[in-house]
């Protein structure tokens, strides 16, 4: 069993879908197939609603909380061009090194089939597990907390933004969840898409959502965090060790007040059980506000404060 100190154990900051890159100067020959559709979407709308100044403000607010670790759950880019992925690497490095930041890619980061080494592979230090491997799922332990990253990003046909976990990842994920449960860890799973069947509209959901949900119900996870939908959401399942929270964070760069932000997860231990405090930080004109909080305990009855509506 993991030796757990009494009191505060770990604080995780979570942001997603920053879409921080620009497609200005992209060459036509780089925009073949589906990428031309992504470019047109960026030109018509995305460049106007995903703003770097909003992202910078979100990151500054997050830094003020002095988290122990940062989780980024994908969609750093618009169409996953090598130049975009290189720019996103510089941004990741500004957040912290690979020991302090954990990442899973999003569907926009794998918009089409492309060279791993020149695209998301540039970020490998941010999804390298404690075993040294940069393969998914990865696992990192931090003071009794297991951070487990699952890759749901796969190239898709035009007008689709779906994802998939696949059987090899599900088998390895089940093993990691069982091993970390035996070790007494508080398990936090990172992925881009919601694992739930109703987590997104059909064209955006996981093709194997039922299988991954069943895996969580069988093997358990205390907290599952994701992005993709650009909206906040908290769902609850009952796992083998108690409640499981599945939490979505909105885009970190959306310019409209209230539509951008980040989440804070504070993990506590009393030596026998766990307590999780969730706080949602959202943009308001001139700054930020905590829009909701929630507390969940394992080994004792659940207690709740004002919380976002579950759907």
C-alpha atoms as a PDB file:
ATOM      1  CA  UNK A   1       0.000   0.000   0.000  1.00  0.00           C
ATOM      2  CA  UNK A   2       1.094   3.581  -0.628  1.00  0.00           C
ATOM      3  CA  UNK A   3       2.043   5.414   2.547  1.00  0.00           C
ATOM      4  CA  UNK A   4      -0.368   8.338   2.764  1.00  0.00           C
ATOM      5  CA  UNK A   5       0.375  11.394   4.836  1.00  0.00           C
ATOM      6  CA  UNK A   6      -2.527  12.971   6.661  1.00  0.00           C
ATOM      7  CA  UNK A   7      -4.015  16.100   5.124  1.00  0.00           C
ATOM      8  CA  UNK A   8      -3.285  17.621   1.735  1.00  0.00           C
ATOM      9  CA  UNK A   9      -1.573  15.258  -0.682  1.00  0.00           C
ATOM     10  CA  UNK A  10      -1.728  16.701  -4.194  1.00  0.00           C
ATOM     11  CA  UNK A  11      -3.180  19.570  -6.246  1.00  0.00           C
ATOM     12  CA  UNK A  12      -3.810  19.102  -9.948  1.00  0.00           C
ATOM     13  CA  UNK A  13      -4.684  21.927 -12.344  1.00  0.00           C
ATOM     14  CA  UNK A  14      -6.585  20.855 -15.455  1.00  0.00           C
ATOM     15  CA  UNK A  15      -6.983  22.728 -18.716  1.00  0.00           C
ATOM     16  CA  UNK A  16      -7.955  21.602 -22.188  1.00  0.00           C
ATOM     17  CA  UNK A  17      -8.607  22.592 -25.782  1.00  0.00           C
ATOM     18  CA  UNK A  18      -6.454  25.728 -25.877  1.00  0.00           C
ATOM     19  CA  UNK A  19      -6.228  25.690 -29.697  1.00  0.00           C
ATOM     20  CA  UNK A  20      -3.265  27.979 -29.159  1.00  0.00           C
ATOM     21  CA  UNK A  21      -1.673  27.859 -32.595  1.00  0.00           C
ATOM     22  CA  UNK A  22      -2.181  30.008 -35.698  1.00  0.00           C
ATOM     23  CA  UNK A  23      -2.584  28.837 -39.284  1.00  0.00           C
ATOM     24  CA  UNK A  24      -1.395  32.127 -40.752  1.00  0.00           C
ATOM     25  CA  UNK A  25       1.160  31.345 -43.418  1.00  0.00           C
ATOM     26  CA  UNK A  26       0.100  27.716 -43.812  1.00  0.00           C
ATOM     27  CA  UNK A  27       0.969  26.504 -47.305  1.00  0.00           C
ATOM     28  CA  UNK A  28      -1.721  25.121 -49.573  1.00  0.00           C
ATOM     29  CA  UNK A  29       0.240  21.922 -50.169  1.00  0.00           C
ATOM     30  CA  UNK A  30       0.119  21.258 -46.392  1.00  0.00           C
ATOM     31  CA  UNK A  31      -3.655  21.556 -46.287  1.00  0.00           C
ATOM     32  CA  UNK A  32      -4.641  18.619 -48.452  1.00  0.00           C
ATOM     33  CA  UNK A  33      -7.554  16.328 -47.629  1.00  0.00           C
ATOM     34  CA  UNK A  34      -9.374  17.104 -44.369  1.00  0.00           C
ATOM     35  CA  UNK A  35      -6.966  19.841 -43.283  1.00  0.00           C
ATOM     36  CA  UNK A  36      -8.402  22.299 -45.807  1.00  0.00           C
ATOM     37  CA  UNK A  37     -11.746  22.011 -43.999  1.00  0.00           C
ATOM     38  CA  UNK A  38     -10.011  22.687 -40.691  1.00  0.00           C
ATOM     39  CA  UNK A  39      -8.258  25.697 -42.175  1.00  0.00           C
ATOM     40  CA  UNK A  40     -11.553  27.117 -43.428  1.00  0.00           C
ATOM     41  CA  UNK A  41     -13.110  26.549 -39.987  1.00  0.00           C
ATOM     42  CA  UNK A  42     -10.170  28.350 -38.393  1.00  0.00           C
ATOM     43  CA  UNK A  43     -10.367  31.267 -40.830  1.00  0.00           C
ATOM     44  CA  UNK A  44     -14.120  31.716 -40.544  1.00  0.00           C
ATOM     45  CA  UNK A  45     -14.561  31.203 -36.800  1.00  0.00           C
ATOM     46  CA  UNK A  46     -11.940  29.526 -34.626  1.00  0.00           C
ATOM     47  CA  UNK A  47      -9.302  32.255 -34.901  1.00  0.00           C
ATOM     48  CA  UNK A  48     -11.906  34.723 -33.634  1.00  0.00           C
ATOM     49  CA  UNK A  49     -13.164  32.748 -30.639  1.00  0.00           C
ATOM     50  CA  UNK A  50      -9.959  31.026 -29.463  1.00  0.00           C
ATOM     51  CA  UNK A  51      -7.763  33.873 -28.290  1.00  0.00           C
ATOM     52  CA  UNK A  52      -4.210  33.677 -27.002  1.00  0.00           C
ATOM     53  CA  UNK A  53      -4.829  36.555 -24.594  1.00  0.00           C
ATOM     54  CA  UNK A  54      -7.616  34.526 -22.968  1.00  0.00           C
ATOM     55  CA  UNK A  55      -5.334  31.503 -22.695  1.00  0.00           C
ATOM     56  CA  UNK A  56      -2.564  33.629 -21.187  1.00  0.00           C
ATOM     57  CA  UNK A  57      -4.987  34.923 -18.551  1.00  0.00           C
ATOM     58  CA  UNK A  58      -6.173  31.393 -17.739  1.00  0.00           C
ATOM     59  CA  UNK A  59      -2.588  30.187 -17.335  1.00  0.00           C
ATOM     60  CA  UNK A  60      -1.730  33.173 -15.112  1.00  0.00           C
ATOM     61  CA  UNK A  61      -4.735  32.482 -12.873  1.00  0.00           C
ATOM     62  CA  UNK A  62      -3.782  28.817 -12.729  1.00  0.00           C
ATOM     63  CA  UNK A  63      -0.183  29.634 -11.797  1.00  0.00           C
ATOM     64  CA  UNK A  64      -1.380  31.810  -8.913  1.00  0.00           C
ATOM     65  CA  UNK A  65      -2.821  28.678  -7.294  1.00  0.00           C
ATOM     66  CA  UNK A  66       0.634  27.017  -7.302  1.00  0.00           C
ATOM     67  CA  UNK A  67      -0.527  23.526  -8.356  1.00  0.00           C
ATOM     68  CA  UNK A  68       1.693  20.510  -7.825  1.00  0.00           C
ATOM     69  CA  UNK A  69       0.981  19.292 -11.346  1.00  0.00           C
ATOM     70  CA  UNK A  70      -0.793  20.375 -14.541  1.00  0.00           C
ATOM     71  CA  UNK A  71      -2.905  18.162 -16.817  1.00  0.00           C
ATOM     72  CA  UNK A  72      -3.567  19.186 -20.439  1.00  0.00           C
ATOM     73  CA  UNK A  73      -6.192  17.037 -22.157  1.00  0.00           C
ATOM     74  CA  UNK A  74      -5.593  17.765 -25.823  1.00  0.00           C
ATOM     75  CA  UNK A  75      -6.406  19.969 -28.789  1.00  0.00           C
ATOM     76  CA  UNK A  76      -3.402  22.241 -28.539  1.00  0.00           C
ATOM     77  CA  UNK A  77      -3.538  22.759 -32.319  1.00  0.00           C
ATOM     78  CA  UNK A  78      -6.123  23.288 -35.053  1.00  0.00           C
ATOM     79  CA  UNK A  79      -5.137  20.765 -37.734  1.00  0.00           C
ATOM     80  CA  UNK A  80      -2.012  19.109 -36.299  1.00  0.00           C
ATOM     81  CA  UNK A  81       0.567  20.535 -38.697  1.00  0.00           C
ATOM     82  CA  UNK A  82       4.224  19.984 -37.722  1.00  0.00           C
ATOM     83  CA  UNK A  83       4.733  23.744 -37.300  1.00  0.00           C
ATOM     84  CA  UNK A  84       1.697  23.872 -35.016  1.00  0.00           C
ATOM     85  CA  UNK A  85       3.005  20.989 -32.917  1.00  0.00           C
ATOM     86  CA  UNK A  86       6.403  22.691 -32.622  1.00  0.00           C
ATOM     87  CA  UNK A  87       4.718  25.907 -31.449  1.00  0.00           C
ATOM     88  CA  UNK A  88       2.649  23.909 -28.972  1.00  0.00           C
ATOM     89  CA  UNK A  89       5.839  22.329 -27.606  1.00  0.00           C
ATOM     90  CA  UNK A  90       7.214  25.798 -26.788  1.00  0.00           C
ATOM     91  CA  UNK A  91       3.958  26.586 -24.992  1.00  0.00           C
ATOM     92  CA  UNK A  92       4.145  23.341 -23.013  1.00  0.00           C
ATOM     93  CA  UNK A  93       7.705  24.162 -22.014  1.00  0.00           C
ATOM     94  CA  UNK A  94       6.485  27.525 -20.735  1.00  0.00           C
ATOM     95  CA  UNK A  95       4.037  25.654 -18.447  1.00  0.00           C
ATOM     96  CA  UNK A  96       6.736  23.435 -16.996  1.00  0.00           C
ATOM     97  CA  UNK A  97       8.882  20.429 -17.732  1.00  0.00           C
ATOM     98  CA  UNK A  98       7.643  16.933 -18.419  1.00  0.00           C
ATOM     99  CA  UNK A  99       7.768  15.987 -14.739  1.00  0.00           C
ATOM    100  CA  UNK A 100       5.315  18.763 -13.828  1.00  0.00           C
ATOM    101  CA  UNK A 101       2.946  18.584 -16.804  1.00  0.00           C
ATOM    102  CA  UNK A 102       1.042  15.570 -18.151  1.00  0.00           C
ATOM    103  CA  UNK A 103      -0.573  15.554 -21.593  1.00  0.00           C
ATOM    104  CA  UNK A 104      -2.868  13.493 -23.786  1.00  0.00           C
ATOM    105  CA  UNK A 105      -3.454  14.536 -27.424  1.00  0.00           C
ATOM    106  CA  UNK A 106      -6.797  15.581 -28.900  1.00  0.00           C
ATOM    107  CA  UNK A 107      -8.489  14.878 -32.195  1.00  0.00           C
ATOM    108  CA  UNK A 108      -7.308  18.213 -33.662  1.00  0.00           C
ATOM    109  CA  UNK A 109      -3.720  17.201 -32.873  1.00  0.00           C
ATOM    110  CA  UNK A 110      -4.210  14.065 -35.006  1.00  0.00           C
ATOM    111  CA  UNK A 111      -6.473  15.653 -37.605  1.00  0.00           C
ATOM    112  CA  UNK A 112      -5.087  13.389 -40.339  1.00  0.00           C
ATOM    113  CA  UNK A 113      -2.565  10.556 -40.436  1.00  0.00           C
ATOM    114  CA  UNK A 114       0.867  12.174 -40.100  1.00  0.00           C
ATOM    115  CA  UNK A 115       4.387  11.461 -38.924  1.00  0.00           C
ATOM    116  CA  UNK A 116       4.381  10.875 -35.170  1.00  0.00           C
ATOM    117  CA  UNK A 117       7.900  12.227 -34.669  1.00  0.00           C
ATOM    118  CA  UNK A 118       7.166  15.574 -36.350  1.00  0.00           C
ATOM    119  CA  UNK A 119       3.741  16.078 -34.741  1.00  0.00           C
ATOM    120  CA  UNK A 120       2.488  14.827 -31.364  1.00  0.00           C
ATOM    121  CA  UNK A 121       5.707  12.868 -30.860  1.00  0.00           C
ATOM    122  CA  UNK A 122       7.409  16.221 -30.196  1.00  0.00           C
ATOM    123  CA  UNK A 123       5.480  16.245 -26.897  1.00  0.00           C
ATOM    124  CA  UNK A 124       6.644  12.805 -25.746  1.00  0.00           C
ATOM    125  CA  UNK A 125       8.304  14.075 -22.558  1.00  0.00           C
ATOM    126  CA  UNK A 126       4.826  15.136 -21.418  1.00  0.00           C
ATOM    127  CA  UNK A 127       3.354  11.652 -21.773  1.00  0.00           C
ATOM    128  CA  UNK A 128       6.375   9.587 -20.752  1.00  0.00           C
ATOM    129  CA  UNK A 129       5.427   7.196 -17.964  1.00  0.00           C
ATOM    130  CA  UNK A 130       7.447   6.428 -14.857  1.00  0.00           C
ATOM    131  CA  UNK A 131       8.729   3.345 -16.689  1.00  0.00           C
ATOM    132  CA  UNK A 132      10.385   5.583 -19.294  1.00  0.00           C
ATOM    133  CA  UNK A 133       8.021   4.583 -22.089  1.00  0.00           C
ATOM    134  CA  UNK A 134       6.250   7.196 -24.211  1.00  0.00           C
ATOM    135  CA  UNK A 135       3.447   4.817 -25.153  1.00  0.00           C
ATOM    136  CA  UNK A 136      -0.191   4.988 -24.096  1.00  0.00           C
ATOM    137  CA  UNK A 137      -1.621   4.411 -21.617  1.00  0.00           C
ATOM    138  CA  UNK A 138       1.068   5.960 -19.426  1.00  0.00           C
ATOM    139  CA  UNK A 139       1.177   6.045 -15.641  1.00  0.00           C
ATOM    140  CA  UNK A 140       2.885   8.493 -13.282  1.00  0.00           C
ATOM    141  CA  UNK A 141       2.753   8.327  -9.478  1.00  0.00           C
ATOM    142  CA  UNK A 142       2.897  11.488  -7.442  1.00  0.00           C
ATOM    143  CA  UNK A 143       2.609  11.212  -3.636  1.00  0.00           C
ATOM    144  CA  UNK A 144       0.005   8.448  -3.648  1.00  0.00           C
ATOM    145  CA  UNK A 145      -1.826   9.749  -6.722  1.00  0.00           C
ATOM    146  CA  UNK A 146      -1.656   7.784  -9.984  1.00  0.00           C
ATOM    147  CA  UNK A 147      -1.960   9.888 -13.140  1.00  0.00           C
ATOM    148  CA  UNK A 148      -2.991   7.629 -16.012  1.00  0.00           C
ATOM    149  CA  UNK A 149      -3.082   8.973 -19.575  1.00  0.00           C
ATOM    150  CA  UNK A 150      -5.184   7.347 -22.310  1.00  0.00           C
ATOM    151  CA  UNK A 151      -4.921   8.295 -25.991  1.00  0.00           C
ATOM    152  CA  UNK A 152      -8.314   8.688 -27.722  1.00  0.00           C
ATOM    153  CA  UNK A 153      -7.084  10.753 -30.700  1.00  0.00           C
ATOM    154  CA  UNK A 154      -7.282   9.037 -34.081  1.00  0.00           C
ATOM    155  CA  UNK A 155      -7.482  10.482 -37.624  1.00  0.00           C
ATOM    156  CA  UNK A 156     -11.073  10.560 -38.852  1.00  0.00           C
ATOM    157  CA  UNK A 157     -13.007  11.234 -42.040  1.00  0.00           C
ATOM    158  CA  UNK A 158     -14.141  14.787 -42.876  1.00  0.00           C
ATOM    159  CA  UNK A 159     -16.845  16.200 -40.585  1.00  0.00           C
ATOM    160  CA  UNK A 160     -16.104  13.636 -37.867  1.00  0.00           C
ATOM    161  CA  UNK A 161     -14.380  14.378 -34.544  1.00  0.00           C
ATOM    162  CA  UNK A 162     -14.781  10.957 -32.972  1.00  0.00           C
ATOM    163  CA  UNK A 163     -12.119   9.029 -31.113  1.00  0.00           C
ATOM    164  CA  UNK A 164     -11.201   5.520 -30.054  1.00  0.00           C
ATOM    165  CA  UNK A 165      -9.297   3.845 -27.230  1.00  0.00           C
ATOM    166  CA  UNK A 166      -8.905   0.398 -28.808  1.00  0.00           C
ATOM    167  CA  UNK A 167      -8.512  -3.017 -27.224  1.00  0.00           C
ATOM    168  CA  UNK A 168      -4.723  -2.938 -26.585  1.00  0.00           C
ATOM    169  CA  UNK A 169      -5.036   0.266 -24.548  1.00  0.00           C
ATOM    170  CA  UNK A 170      -8.114  -1.034 -22.704  1.00  0.00           C
ATOM    171  CA  UNK A 171      -6.297  -4.210 -21.683  1.00  0.00           C
ATOM    172  CA  UNK A 172      -3.287  -2.265 -20.402  1.00  0.00           C
ATOM    173  CA  UNK A 173      -5.516   0.324 -18.732  1.00  0.00           C
ATOM    174  CA  UNK A 174      -7.350  -2.430 -16.830  1.00  0.00           C
ATOM    175  CA  UNK A 175      -4.013  -3.780 -15.579  1.00  0.00           C
ATOM    176  CA  UNK A 176      -2.829  -0.321 -14.474  1.00  0.00           C
ATOM    177  CA  UNK A 177      -6.125   0.429 -12.716  1.00  0.00           C
ATOM    178  CA  UNK A 178      -5.972  -2.888 -10.845  1.00  0.00           C
ATOM    179  CA  UNK A 179      -2.304  -2.471  -9.892  1.00  0.00           C
ATOM    180  CA  UNK A 180      -2.747   1.091  -8.654  1.00  0.00           C
ATOM    181  CA  UNK A 181      -5.896   0.108  -6.734  1.00  0.00           C
ATOM    182  CA  UNK A 182      -3.923  -2.627  -4.951  1.00  0.00           C
ATOM    183  CA  UNK A 183      -1.244  -0.056  -4.159  1.00  0.00           C
ATOM    184  CA  UNK A 184      -3.880   2.178  -2.547  1.00  0.00           C
ATOM    185  CA  UNK A 185      -3.463   5.017  -5.048  1.00  0.00           C
ATOM    186  CA  UNK A 186      -5.976   7.740  -5.828  1.00  0.00           C
ATOM    187  CA  UNK A 187      -6.424   7.187  -9.562  1.00  0.00           C
ATOM    188  CA  UNK A 188      -6.873  10.093 -11.997  1.00  0.00           C
ATOM    189  CA  UNK A 189      -7.387   9.172 -15.658  1.00  0.00           C
ATOM    190  CA  UNK A 190      -6.716  11.729 -18.396  1.00  0.00           C
ATOM    191  CA  UNK A 191      -8.260  11.460 -21.851  1.00  0.00           C
ATOM    192  CA  UNK A 192      -9.523  13.872 -24.486  1.00  0.00           C
ATOM    193  CA  UNK A 193     -12.972  12.462 -25.257  1.00  0.00           C
ATOM    194  CA  UNK A 194     -15.600  11.656 -22.670  1.00  0.00           C
ATOM    195  CA  UNK A 195     -15.739   7.908 -21.954  1.00  0.00           C
ATOM    196  CA  UNK A 196     -19.549   8.061 -21.743  1.00  0.00           C
ATOM    197  CA  UNK A 197     -21.992   7.093 -24.481  1.00  0.00           C
ATOM    198  CA  UNK A 198     -23.812  10.411 -24.069  1.00  0.00           C
ATOM    199  CA  UNK A 199     -20.662  12.390 -23.409  1.00  0.00           C
ATOM    200  CA  UNK A 200     -20.757  14.093 -26.806  1.00  0.00           C
ATOM    201  CA  UNK A 201     -22.974  14.201 -29.879  1.00  0.00           C
ATOM    202  CA  UNK A 202     -22.600  11.117 -32.057  1.00  0.00           C
ATOM    203  CA  UNK A 203     -20.047  12.495 -34.527  1.00  0.00           C
ATOM    204  CA  UNK A 204     -17.767  13.562 -31.660  1.00  0.00           C
ATOM    205  CA  UNK A 205     -17.980  10.617 -29.256  1.00  0.00           C
ATOM    206  CA  UNK A 206     -15.758   7.600 -28.722  1.00  0.00           C
ATOM    207  CA  UNK A 207     -16.556   4.732 -31.031  1.00  0.00           C
ATOM    208  CA  UNK A 208     -15.867   2.335 -28.139  1.00  0.00           C
ATOM    209  CA  UNK A 209     -17.405   4.432 -25.367  1.00  0.00           C
ATOM    210  CA  UNK A 210     -19.423   1.517 -24.026  1.00  0.00           C
ATOM    211  CA  UNK A 211     -16.311  -0.650 -23.713  1.00  0.00           C
ATOM    212  CA  UNK A 212     -14.271   2.003 -21.914  1.00  0.00           C
ATOM    213  CA  UNK A 213     -17.153   2.854 -19.579  1.00  0.00           C
ATOM    214  CA  UNK A 214     -17.507  -0.847 -18.748  1.00  0.00           C
ATOM    215  CA  UNK A 215     -13.778  -0.969 -18.008  1.00  0.00           C
ATOM    216  CA  UNK A 216     -14.109   1.893 -15.537  1.00  0.00           C
ATOM    217  CA  UNK A 217     -17.142   0.272 -13.909  1.00  0.00           C
ATOM    218  CA  UNK A 218     -15.239  -2.999 -13.506  1.00  0.00           C
ATOM    219  CA  UNK A 219     -11.813  -1.748 -12.487  1.00  0.00           C
ATOM    220  CA  UNK A 220     -12.600   1.660 -11.000  1.00  0.00           C
ATOM    221  CA  UNK A 221     -11.066   5.117 -11.110  1.00  0.00           C
ATOM    222  CA  UNK A 222     -11.697   7.858  -8.610  1.00  0.00           C
ATOM    223  CA  UNK A 223     -11.519  10.737 -11.112  1.00  0.00           C
ATOM    224  CA  UNK A 224     -11.669  10.824 -14.916  1.00  0.00           C
ATOM    225  CA  UNK A 225     -10.974  14.177 -16.600  1.00  0.00           C
ATOM    226  CA  UNK A 226     -11.409  15.209 -20.225  1.00  0.00           C
ATOM    227  CA  UNK A 227     -12.124  18.076 -22.621  1.00  0.00           C
ATOM    228  CA  UNK A 228     -13.212  18.012 -26.289  1.00  0.00           C
ATOM    229  CA  UNK A 229     -16.734  19.425 -25.896  1.00  0.00           C
ATOM    230  CA  UNK A 230     -15.669  22.964 -24.861  1.00  0.00           C
ATOM    231  CA  UNK A 231     -18.173  22.806 -22.006  1.00  0.00           C
ATOM    232  CA  UNK A 232     -18.118  22.063 -18.307  1.00  0.00           C
ATOM    233  CA  UNK A 233     -19.796  18.923 -17.094  1.00  0.00           C
ATOM    234  CA  UNK A 234     -19.692  16.562 -14.121  1.00  0.00           C
ATOM    235  CA  UNK A 235     -21.037  13.024 -14.348  1.00  0.00           C
ATOM    236  CA  UNK A 236     -21.022  10.403 -11.605  1.00  0.00           C
ATOM    237  CA  UNK A 237     -20.718   6.629 -11.754  1.00  0.00           C
ATOM    238  CA  UNK A 238     -20.532   4.050  -8.988  1.00  0.00           C
ATOM    239  CA  UNK A 239     -17.303   2.092  -9.157  1.00  0.00           C
ATOM    240  CA  UNK A 240     -16.020  -0.917  -7.235  1.00  0.00           C
ATOM    241  CA  UNK A 241     -14.269   1.332  -4.692  1.00  0.00           C
ATOM    242  CA  UNK A 242     -16.943   4.012  -4.469  1.00  0.00           C
ATOM    243  CA  UNK A 243     -17.898   7.055  -6.515  1.00  0.00           C
ATOM    244  CA  UNK A 244     -16.255   7.935  -9.816  1.00  0.00           C
ATOM    245  CA  UNK A 245     -16.359  11.518 -11.032  1.00  0.00           C
ATOM    246  CA  UNK A 246     -16.100  12.173 -14.774  1.00  0.00           C
ATOM    247  CA  UNK A 247     -15.316  15.849 -15.212  1.00  0.00           C
ATOM    248  CA  UNK A 248     -15.114  17.937 -18.380  1.00  0.00           C
ATOM    249  CA  UNK A 249     -13.424  21.335 -18.476  1.00  0.00           C
ATOM    250  CA  UNK A 250     -14.240  23.977 -21.123  1.00  0.00           C
ATOM    251  CA  UNK A 251     -11.767  25.405 -23.603  1.00  0.00           C
ATOM    252  CA  UNK A 252      -8.928  27.343 -22.003  1.00  0.00           C
ATOM    253  CA  UNK A 253      -8.961  30.001 -24.737  1.00  0.00           C
ATOM    254  CA  UNK A 254     -12.613  30.736 -25.555  1.00  0.00           C
ATOM    255  CA  UNK A 255     -12.992  34.517 -25.544  1.00  0.00           C
ATOM    256  CA  UNK A 256     -16.608  34.745 -24.278  1.00  0.00           C
ATOM    257  CA  UNK A 257     -16.728  35.373 -20.492  1.00  0.00           C
ATOM    258  CA  UNK A 258     -17.707  32.253 -18.596  1.00  0.00           C
ATOM    259  CA  UNK A 259     -16.801  29.976 -21.531  1.00  0.00           C
ATOM    260  CA  UNK A 260     -13.102  29.615 -20.678  1.00  0.00           C
ATOM    261  CA  UNK A 261     -11.297  28.448 -17.593  1.00  0.00           C
ATOM    262  CA  UNK A 262      -9.618  25.619 -15.764  1.00  0.00           C
ATOM    263  CA  UNK A 263     -10.371  23.190 -12.941  1.00  0.00           C
ATOM    264  CA  UNK A 264      -8.540  22.585  -9.697  1.00  0.00           C
ATOM    265  CA  UNK A 265      -8.545  19.148  -8.042  1.00  0.00           C
ATOM    266  CA  UNK A 266      -7.201  18.955  -4.497  1.00  0.00           C
ATOM    267  CA  UNK A 267      -6.634  15.475  -3.074  1.00  0.00           C
ATOM    268  CA  UNK A 268      -6.491  14.855   0.664  1.00  0.00           C
ATOM    269  CA  UNK A 269      -5.869  11.736   2.710  1.00  0.00           C
ATOM    270  CA  UNK A 270      -6.627  10.911   6.352  1.00  0.00           C
ATOM    271  CA  UNK A 271      -4.434   7.815   6.175  1.00  0.00           C
ATOM    272  CA  UNK A 272      -7.408   5.526   5.547  1.00  0.00           C
ATOM    273  CA  UNK A 273      -9.506   7.213   2.866  1.00  0.00           C
ATOM    274  CA  UNK A 274      -9.452  10.003   0.333  1.00  0.00           C
ATOM    275  CA  UNK A 275     -11.161  13.338  -0.087  1.00  0.00           C
ATOM    276  CA  UNK A 276     -11.350  15.245  -3.366  1.00  0.00           C
ATOM    277  CA  UNK A 277     -12.184  18.929  -3.643  1.00  0.00           C
ATOM    278  CA  UNK A 278     -13.115  20.206  -7.116  1.00  0.00           C
ATOM    279  CA  UNK A 279     -13.160  23.940  -7.859  1.00  0.00           C
ATOM    280  CA  UNK A 280     -14.053  25.383 -11.263  1.00  0.00           C
ATOM    281  CA  UNK A 281     -12.384  28.661 -12.239  1.00  0.00           C
ATOM    282  CA  UNK A 282     -14.046  30.605 -15.065  1.00  0.00           C
ATOM    283  CA  UNK A 283     -13.470  33.905 -16.824  1.00  0.00           C
ATOM    284  CA  UNK A 284     -15.577  36.926 -15.943  1.00  0.00           C
ATOM    285  CA  UNK A 285     -15.179  40.493 -17.233  1.00  0.00           C
ATOM    286  CA  UNK A 286     -11.945  41.743 -15.706  1.00  0.00           C
ATOM    287  CA  UNK A 287     -10.819  38.506 -14.100  1.00  0.00           C
ATOM    288  CA  UNK A 288     -11.834  35.091 -12.784  1.00  0.00           C
ATOM    289  CA  UNK A 289     -14.266  33.593 -10.326  1.00  0.00           C
ATOM    290  CA  UNK A 290     -14.797  30.203  -8.729  1.00  0.00           C
ATOM    291  CA  UNK A 291     -18.157  29.192 -10.166  1.00  0.00           C
ATOM    292  CA  UNK A 292     -18.646  25.967  -8.216  1.00  0.00           C
ATOM    293  CA  UNK A 293     -17.064  23.602  -5.722  1.00  0.00           C
ATOM    294  CA  UNK A 294     -17.665  19.980  -4.902  1.00  0.00           C
ATOM    295  CA  UNK A 295     -16.260  17.596  -2.302  1.00  0.00           C
ATOM    296  CA  UNK A 296     -16.301  13.808  -2.611  1.00  0.00           C
ATOM    297  CA  UNK A 297     -14.954  11.340  -0.068  1.00  0.00           C
ATOM    298  CA  UNK A 298     -13.966   7.689  -0.208  1.00  0.00           C
ATOM    299  CA  UNK A 299     -14.297   5.691   2.992  1.00  0.00           C
ATOM    300  CA  UNK A 300     -16.916   8.121   4.376  1.00  0.00           C
ATOM    301  CA  UNK A 301     -20.238   9.557   3.172  1.00  0.00           C
ATOM    302  CA  UNK A 302     -20.069  11.965   0.243  1.00  0.00           C
ATOM    303  CA  UNK A 303     -20.488  15.625   1.161  1.00  0.00           C
ATOM    304  CA  UNK A 304     -21.365  18.245  -1.451  1.00  0.00           C
ATOM    305  CA  UNK A 305     -21.209  22.001  -1.785  1.00  0.00           C
ATOM    306  CA  UNK A 306     -22.663  24.069  -4.607  1.00  0.00           C
ATOM    307  CA  UNK A 307     -21.933  22.042  -7.720  1.00  0.00           C
ATOM    308  CA  UNK A 308     -22.461  22.254 -11.457  1.00  0.00           C
ATOM    309  CA  UNK A 309     -25.557  20.540 -12.782  1.00  0.00           C
ATOM    310  CA  UNK A 310     -24.955  16.973 -13.895  1.00  0.00           C
ATOM    311  CA  UNK A 311     -26.285  15.882 -17.213  1.00  0.00           C
END
